[in-house]
Amino acid sequence: MKTSDFDYFLPQEMIAQTPLEPRDTSRLLVVNRSDSTITHVNAFSDICRYFRAGDVLVFNDSRVMPARLKGIKPETGGKVELLLLKHMQDGLWEALVKPGKRVRLGTKIELYNESLPPEEIIPPVFAEIADDKDEGIKLVRFSDEKYLPVLGKMPLPPYIHTPLGNPERYQTIYADINRTGSAAAPTAGLHFTPGLIDKLRNNGIKCLFTTLHVGLDTFRPVQGEDLSQHKMHCEYGCISREAADEVSRAKREGRRVICVGTTSVRLVEYAAGISKNASLDPFEGWVNLFILPGYKFLIPDAMITNFHLPKSTLLMLVSAFGGIELMKKAYQEAIEQNYRFYSFGDAMLII
């Protein structure tokens, strides 16, 4: 199995640049693994017809942080951009730095936000490169990290070129402000509205919330053909006792567990793999699970997902769940039927 096995051609005009309103009016492609059928549903809000009382939906409530920072090197005037990835300890972060090769160990960067209103007065904030890692990632120490939310901006994916009028549109409606930490949105959840979640609950469907802070692997394809050499970046996750108990009870009783997004899948699968007392134990810690075809899933019976980039770990995960050939067929049909792709695009339900 090679990286190129997960490649496909997508016309640029099919990459959704803006989200639809309301959120649940996006289209839905339903893929049935049992008979390999593909069904086109005009509106995501009609997903309720595929669920039944007793089903459990597992969401990721992580909130996207204002992770994109701009700065200038005082000595040269050179501009630098940082994307915060992981909080290591007080004042110290892992960050993707551009241009990485020109920003060496010990370099100091003064941060700025040209959009700050004049009345927003803050002291100078500096970033210093504390260590070099790999693939452009560096350890960065900030002089005062409490101002990062003020200086930072929403980190839209690099394939979105249209400015987003309302930053909240790149947050799920259930994103928890106390669970802020993602560098990208768990985009399968962007299709849900408060009314749709209320309807699901009224239909006897249990909605559970877990947390996985989305990191760098969402943004870029796997490099190199040898998948065994790919290293997943760690992401921090949490599953409460309540959520773990409900999922375990559903598995015991033969009720379906449906994961909303690849992030929820990776979190529950990693936690289930190390659980000792039930199908799923409570969990808090780092997750670096790389799921490829051939993987045996422990928890999800179905999943909701968006359409993913070629050669991405996300496409590899859904191919593991739905089957490589069936996913190729589904993606090709979605392209032929002019579905919208990627973060602000349409959705897929794999049952």
Protein backbone atom coordinates (compact mmCIF):
# COMPACT_ATOMS: atom_id res chain seq x y z
CA MET A 1 0.00 0.00 0.00
CA LYS A 2 1.44 3.36 -1.08
CA THR A 3 0.57 7.02 -0.63
CA SER A 4 -0.32 7.25 -4.33
CA ASP A 5 -3.11 4.71 -3.74
CA PHE A 6 -4.99 7.58 -2.07
CA ASP A 7 -4.53 10.15 -4.81
CA TYR A 8 -7.28 11.56 -7.02
CA PHE A 9 -7.81 14.57 -9.27
CA LEU A 10 -10.16 17.31 -8.11
CA PRO A 11 -10.95 20.37 -10.24
CA GLN A 12 -10.06 23.51 -8.30
CA GLU A 13 -13.53 24.97 -8.75
CA MET A 14 -14.98 22.14 -6.63
CA ILE A 15 -13.13 23.29 -3.50
CA ALA A 16 -15.76 25.15 -1.46
CA GLN A 17 -14.53 28.66 -0.67
CA THR A 18 -17.48 29.78 1.44
CA PRO A 19 -19.89 27.91 3.73
CA LEU A 20 -23.55 27.42 2.90
CA GLU A 21 -26.29 28.97 5.00
CA PRO A 22 -28.02 27.53 6.89
CA ARG A 23 -25.37 25.03 7.89
CA ASP A 24 -27.55 21.96 7.39
CA THR A 25 -28.41 22.75 3.75
CA SER A 26 -25.24 21.14 2.43
CA ARG A 27 -25.67 17.96 0.40
CA LEU A 28 -25.15 14.49 1.86
CA LEU A 29 -23.72 11.42 0.15
CA VAL A 30 -24.75 8.20 1.93
CA VAL A 31 -22.48 5.20 1.40
CA ASN A 32 -23.77 1.80 2.49
CA ARG A 33 -20.95 -0.67 3.15
CA SER A 34 -23.22 -3.71 3.25
CA ASP A 35 -24.39 -3.45 -0.37
CA SER A 36 -21.99 -0.81 -1.80
CA THR A 37 -24.88 1.48 -2.74
CA ILE A 38 -24.53 5.26 -2.90
CA THR A 39 -27.47 7.56 -2.23
CA HIS A 40 -27.67 11.31 -2.86
CA VAL A 41 -29.53 13.37 -0.26
CA ASN A 42 -30.34 16.99 -1.08
CA ALA A 43 -29.96 18.39 2.43
CA PHE A 44 -27.83 17.34 5.40
CA SER A 45 -30.83 18.02 7.66
CA ASP A 46 -32.42 14.86 6.22
CA ILE A 47 -29.71 12.74 7.86
CA CYS A 48 -32.19 11.98 10.65
CA ARG A 49 -33.88 9.36 8.46
CA TYR A 50 -30.74 7.22 8.71
CA PHE A 51 -30.69 7.17 12.51
CA ARG A 52 -32.91 5.33 14.97
CA ALA A 53 -33.75 5.63 18.65
CA GLY A 54 -30.91 4.35 20.80
CA ASP A 55 -28.15 5.42 18.42
CA VAL A 56 -25.25 7.30 19.97
CA LEU A 57 -23.56 10.21 18.19
CA VAL A 58 -20.02 11.12 19.29
CA PHE A 59 -19.02 14.74 18.58
CA ASN A 60 -15.73 16.61 18.98
CA ASP A 61 -16.36 19.85 20.88
CA SER A 62 -12.87 21.30 20.49
CA ARG A 63 -12.87 24.98 19.62
CA VAL A 64 -10.49 26.48 17.04
CA MET A 65 -8.04 28.89 18.64
CA PRO A 66 -6.87 32.11 16.94
CA ALA A 67 -3.72 30.25 16.00
CA ARG A 68 -2.35 32.25 13.06
CA LEU A 69 0.09 34.95 14.16
CA LYS A 70 1.99 37.54 12.15
CA GLY A 71 5.28 39.04 13.18
CA ILE A 72 8.31 40.96 12.05
CA LYS A 73 12.01 40.48 12.77
CA PRO A 74 13.00 43.85 14.32
CA GLU A 75 16.57 43.60 13.11
CA THR A 76 15.79 43.04 9.42
CA GLY A 77 12.13 43.90 8.93
CA GLY A 78 11.50 40.41 7.55
CA LYS A 79 7.93 39.16 7.93
CA VAL A 80 7.20 35.87 9.69
CA GLU A 81 4.01 33.84 10.10
CA LEU A 82 3.38 31.35 12.89
CA LEU A 83 0.67 28.72 13.22
CA LEU A 84 0.26 27.54 16.81
CA LEU A 85 -0.04 23.77 17.03
CA LYS A 86 0.51 22.55 20.55
CA HIS A 87 0.82 24.18 23.98
CA MET A 88 3.82 22.56 25.68
CA GLN A 89 4.06 24.54 28.94
CA ASP A 90 3.72 28.13 30.15
CA GLY A 91 4.85 30.40 27.34
CA LEU A 92 6.17 27.56 25.15
CA TRP A 93 4.40 26.32 22.02
CA GLU A 94 5.03 24.10 19.06
CA ALA A 95 4.36 26.15 15.94
CA LEU A 96 4.69 25.91 12.20
CA VAL A 97 6.91 28.83 11.17
CA LYS A 98 7.18 30.36 7.70
CA PRO A 99 9.65 30.95 6.18
CA GLY A 100 11.11 28.22 8.37
CA LYS A 101 14.62 28.17 6.87
CA ARG A 102 15.11 31.89 7.41
CA VAL A 103 14.07 31.85 11.05
CA ARG A 104 16.93 30.35 12.99
CA LEU A 105 17.42 29.34 16.60
CA GLY A 106 17.35 32.41 18.86
CA THR A 107 15.54 34.63 16.35
CA LYS A 108 13.21 37.14 18.00
CA ILE A 109 9.95 38.14 16.35
CA GLU A 110 7.68 41.02 17.35
CA LEU A 111 4.04 40.07 16.90
CA TYR A 112 1.40 42.38 15.45
CA ASN A 113 -2.21 42.39 14.30
CA GLU A 114 -3.00 45.13 11.80
CA SER A 115 -6.72 44.65 12.45
CA LEU A 116 -6.61 45.67 16.11
CA PRO A 117 -8.80 48.71 16.81
CA PRO A 118 -6.91 51.84 17.97
CA GLU A 119 -8.38 51.60 21.46
CA GLU A 120 -6.93 48.07 21.90
CA ILE A 121 -3.59 48.94 23.47
CA ILE A 122 -1.32 46.06 24.43
CA PRO A 123 2.39 45.97 25.29
CA PRO A 124 4.88 44.59 22.76
CA VAL A 125 4.79 40.79 22.58
CA PHE A 126 7.81 38.84 21.30
CA ALA A 127 8.30 35.29 20.12
CA GLU A 128 11.71 33.64 20.30
CA ILE A 129 12.69 30.46 18.45
CA ALA A 130 13.74 28.11 21.25
CA ASP A 131 14.38 24.92 19.27
CA ASP A 132 14.15 23.39 15.79
CA LYS A 133 12.08 20.28 15.18
CA ASP A 134 11.18 18.82 11.78
CA GLU A 135 9.01 19.76 8.78
CA GLY A 136 9.15 23.48 9.59
CA ILE A 137 7.93 22.99 13.16
CA LYS A 138 9.74 24.92 15.88
CA LEU A 139 9.47 25.43 19.60
CA VAL A 140 8.56 29.05 20.22
CA ARG A 141 8.71 30.90 23.54
CA PHE A 142 6.41 33.91 23.95
CA SER A 143 7.17 36.85 26.22
CA ASP A 144 3.51 37.06 27.31
CA GLU A 145 1.13 34.43 25.98
CA LYS A 146 -2.02 35.97 27.47
CA TYR A 147 -2.15 38.35 24.50
CA LEU A 148 -2.02 35.60 21.87
CA PRO A 149 -5.84 35.41 21.53
CA VAL A 150 -5.86 39.17 20.81
CA LEU A 151 -3.00 39.03 18.30
CA GLY A 152 -4.02 35.80 16.61
CA LYS A 153 -6.46 35.20 13.76
CA MET A 154 -8.60 32.28 12.62
CA PRO A 155 -6.36 29.75 10.79
CA LEU A 156 -8.37 28.94 7.67
CA PRO A 157 -6.95 26.07 5.60
CA PRO A 158 -4.52 27.06 2.82
CA TYR A 159 -6.94 26.00 0.07
CA ILE A 160 -9.54 28.59 1.17
CA HIS A 161 -8.79 31.94 -0.46
CA THR A 162 -12.01 33.83 0.25
CA PRO A 163 -11.98 35.85 3.50
CA LEU A 164 -14.49 34.62 6.07
CA GLY A 165 -16.85 37.36 7.18
CA ASN A 166 -17.79 35.73 10.47
CA PRO A 167 -15.03 33.69 12.17
CA GLU A 168 -17.67 31.78 14.13
CA ARG A 169 -18.70 30.09 10.88
CA TYR A 170 -15.48 28.05 11.11
CA GLN A 171 -16.54 26.83 14.56
CA THR A 172 -19.06 24.08 15.24
CA ILE A 173 -22.16 25.34 17.02
CA TYR A 174 -21.26 23.14 20.01
CA ALA A 175 -17.58 24.17 20.23
CA ASP A 176 -16.79 24.64 23.92
CA ILE A 177 -14.91 27.83 24.79
CA ASN A 178 -13.33 25.90 27.65
CA ARG A 179 -12.05 23.37 25.11
CA THR A 180 -10.16 25.81 22.89
CA GLY A 181 -7.05 24.31 21.31
CA SER A 182 -7.53 23.26 17.69
CA ALA A 183 -5.54 24.59 14.73
CA ALA A 184 -8.40 23.55 12.42
CA ALA A 185 -12.11 22.87 12.81
CA PRO A 186 -13.47 19.32 13.09
CA THR A 187 -15.32 20.04 9.87
CA ALA A 188 -17.84 17.18 9.82
CA GLY A 189 -19.55 18.97 12.70
CA LEU A 190 -19.95 22.24 10.79
CA HIS A 191 -23.16 20.89 9.21
CA PHE A 192 -25.06 20.66 12.50
CA THR A 193 -27.48 23.34 13.71
CA PRO A 194 -29.04 23.68 17.17
CA GLY A 195 -32.39 22.70 15.67
CA LEU A 196 -30.96 19.56 14.08
CA ILE A 197 -29.35 18.45 17.35
CA ASP A 198 -32.63 19.08 19.18
CA LYS A 199 -34.45 16.97 16.58
CA LEU A 200 -31.95 14.13 17.02
CA ARG A 201 -32.40 14.18 20.79
CA ASN A 202 -36.17 14.27 20.46
CA ASN A 203 -35.91 11.16 18.25
CA GLY A 204 -34.17 9.26 21.06
CA ILE A 205 -30.61 9.68 19.82
CA LYS A 206 -27.94 10.30 22.44
CA CYS A 207 -25.47 13.10 21.65
CA LEU A 208 -22.11 12.80 23.41
CA PHE A 209 -19.27 15.31 23.42
CA THR A 210 -15.58 14.41 23.51
CA THR A 211 -12.54 16.59 22.78
CA LEU A 212 -9.63 16.19 20.40
CA HIS A 213 -7.60 19.27 19.51
CA VAL A 214 -7.04 19.11 15.75
CA GLY A 215 -3.45 19.52 14.65
CA LEU A 216 -1.16 19.75 11.65
CA ASP A 217 -2.05 16.51 9.84
CA THR A 218 -5.39 18.02 8.84
CA PHE A 219 -3.61 20.55 6.62
CA ARG A 220 -1.15 18.58 4.57
CA PRO A 221 -0.78 15.37 2.56
CA VAL A 222 1.53 12.52 3.44
CA GLN A 223 5.01 12.98 2.00
CA GLY A 224 6.74 10.01 0.39
CA GLU A 225 5.34 6.72 -0.91
CA ASP A 226 6.22 4.54 2.09
CA LEU A 227 3.33 4.90 4.54
CA SER A 228 5.24 3.04 7.23
CA GLN A 229 7.58 6.03 7.45
CA HIS A 230 4.83 8.57 8.10
CA LYS A 231 4.80 10.02 11.59
CA MET A 232 1.48 11.28 12.94
CA HIS A 233 1.61 14.44 15.03
CA CYS A 234 0.24 14.06 18.55
CA GLU A 235 -3.08 15.68 19.41
CA TYR A 236 -4.49 16.13 22.90
CA GLY A 237 -7.80 14.47 23.68
CA CYS A 238 -10.27 13.86 26.46
CA ILE A 239 -13.21 11.46 26.98
CA SER A 240 -15.29 11.96 30.10
CA ARG A 241 -16.54 9.17 32.35
CA GLU A 242 -20.11 9.91 31.25
CA ALA A 243 -19.28 9.64 27.53
CA ALA A 244 -17.14 6.52 27.99
CA ASP A 245 -19.86 4.78 30.01
CA GLU A 246 -22.57 5.62 27.47
CA VAL A 247 -20.49 4.34 24.54
CA SER A 248 -19.62 1.15 26.43
CA ARG A 249 -23.27 0.59 27.32
CA ALA A 250 -24.32 1.06 23.70
CA LYS A 251 -21.73 -1.47 22.50
CA ARG A 252 -22.91 -4.01 25.10
CA GLU A 253 -26.54 -3.54 24.09
CA GLY A 254 -25.89 -3.70 20.35
CA ARG A 255 -26.85 -0.08 19.72
CA ARG A 256 -25.00 1.85 17.03
CA VAL A 257 -22.23 4.34 17.76
CA ILE A 258 -21.84 6.98 15.04
CA CYS A 259 -18.75 9.18 15.10
CA VAL A 260 -19.01 12.72 13.78
CA GLY A 261 -15.73 13.25 11.96
CA THR A 262 -12.38 11.53 11.66
CA THR A 263 -11.16 13.27 14.84
CA SER A 264 -13.84 11.57 16.93
CA VAL A 265 -12.98 8.24 15.30
CA ARG A 266 -9.27 8.53 16.07
CA LEU A 267 -9.94 9.59 19.66
CA VAL A 268 -12.34 6.79 20.56
CA GLU A 269 -10.29 4.18 18.69
CA TYR A 270 -7.07 5.15 20.45
CA ALA A 271 -8.78 5.16 23.84
CA ALA A 272 -10.57 1.87 23.15
CA GLY A 273 -7.28 0.28 22.16
CA ILE A 274 -5.84 0.91 25.61
CA SER A 275 -9.05 0.44 27.62
CA LYS A 276 -9.02 -2.34 30.22
CA ASN A 277 -12.36 -2.25 32.03
CA ALA A 278 -14.93 -1.67 29.27
CA SER A 279 -15.29 -1.11 25.55
CA LEU A 280 -14.23 2.47 26.24
CA ASP A 281 -12.64 3.81 29.41
CA PRO A 282 -12.38 7.52 30.28
CA PHE A 283 -9.29 9.02 28.69
CA GLU A 284 -7.10 12.09 28.78
CA GLY A 285 -3.80 12.33 26.97
CA TRP A 286 -2.02 12.41 23.62
CA VAL A 287 -3.31 10.65 20.51
CA ASN A 288 -1.18 9.74 17.47
CA LEU A 289 -3.14 6.89 15.90
CA PHE A 290 -2.54 6.42 12.15
CA ILE A 291 -5.42 4.39 10.66
CA LEU A 292 -4.91 2.63 7.32
CA PRO A 293 -6.96 0.04 5.41
CA GLY A 294 -6.73 -3.27 7.24
CA TYR A 295 -7.30 -1.65 10.62
CA LYS A 296 -9.98 -3.36 12.75
CA PHE A 297 -12.33 -0.77 14.22
CA LEU A 298 -13.51 -1.25 17.80
CA ILE A 299 -16.12 1.47 18.34
CA PRO A 300 -17.80 3.21 15.37
CA ASP A 301 -20.61 1.49 13.47
CA ALA A 302 -21.03 4.49 11.18
CA MET A 303 -19.35 7.84 10.64
CA ILE A 304 -20.09 11.29 9.28
CA THR A 305 -17.27 12.97 7.41
CA ASN A 306 -16.45 15.58 4.78
CA PHE A 307 -14.57 14.99 1.52
CA HIS A 308 -10.83 15.02 2.17
CA LEU A 309 -7.65 16.05 0.41
CA PRO A 310 -5.77 13.56 -1.79
CA LYS A 311 -2.99 11.63 -0.02
CA SER A 312 -4.20 12.83 3.40
CA THR A 313 -4.33 10.71 6.55
CA LEU A 314 -8.04 11.60 6.72
CA LEU A 315 -8.75 10.02 3.34
CA MET A 316 -6.76 6.96 4.46
CA LEU A 317 -8.91 6.67 7.59
CA VAL A 318 -12.24 6.84 5.72
CA SER A 319 -10.86 4.32 3.19
CA ALA A 320 -10.07 2.01 6.10
CA PHE A 321 -13.62 2.37 7.38
CA GLY A 322 -15.51 2.29 4.10
CA GLY A 323 -13.13 0.25 1.94
CA ILE A 324 -10.67 1.63 -0.61
CA GLU A 325 -12.64 0.71 -3.74
CA LEU A 326 -15.97 1.88 -2.35
CA MET A 327 -14.45 5.21 -1.30
CA LYS A 328 -12.90 5.66 -4.74
CA LYS A 329 -16.31 5.02 -6.27
CA ALA A 330 -17.99 7.46 -3.85
CA TYR A 331 -15.45 10.22 -4.47
CA GLN A 332 -15.69 9.81 -8.23
CA GLU A 333 -19.48 9.99 -8.08
CA ALA A 334 -19.29 13.06 -5.86
CA ILE A 335 -17.04 14.76 -8.42
CA GLU A 336 -19.36 13.82 -11.28
CA GLN A 337 -22.35 15.17 -9.33
CA ASN A 338 -20.58 18.46 -8.50
CA TYR A 339 -20.40 18.07 -4.75
CA ARG A 340 -18.50 20.74 -2.83
CA PHE A 341 -15.24 19.50 -1.30
CA TYR A 342 -13.12 20.01 1.83
CA SER A 343 -13.78 22.10 4.95
CA PHE A 344 -16.80 24.13 3.76
CA GLY A 345 -18.00 21.40 1.41
CA ASP A 346 -20.68 18.74 1.52
CA ALA A 347 -20.84 15.70 3.79
CA MET A 348 -20.75 11.92 3.61
CA LEU A 349 -22.42 9.37 5.87
CA ILE A 350 -20.81 5.92 5.85
CA ILE A 351 -23.11 3.25 7.29
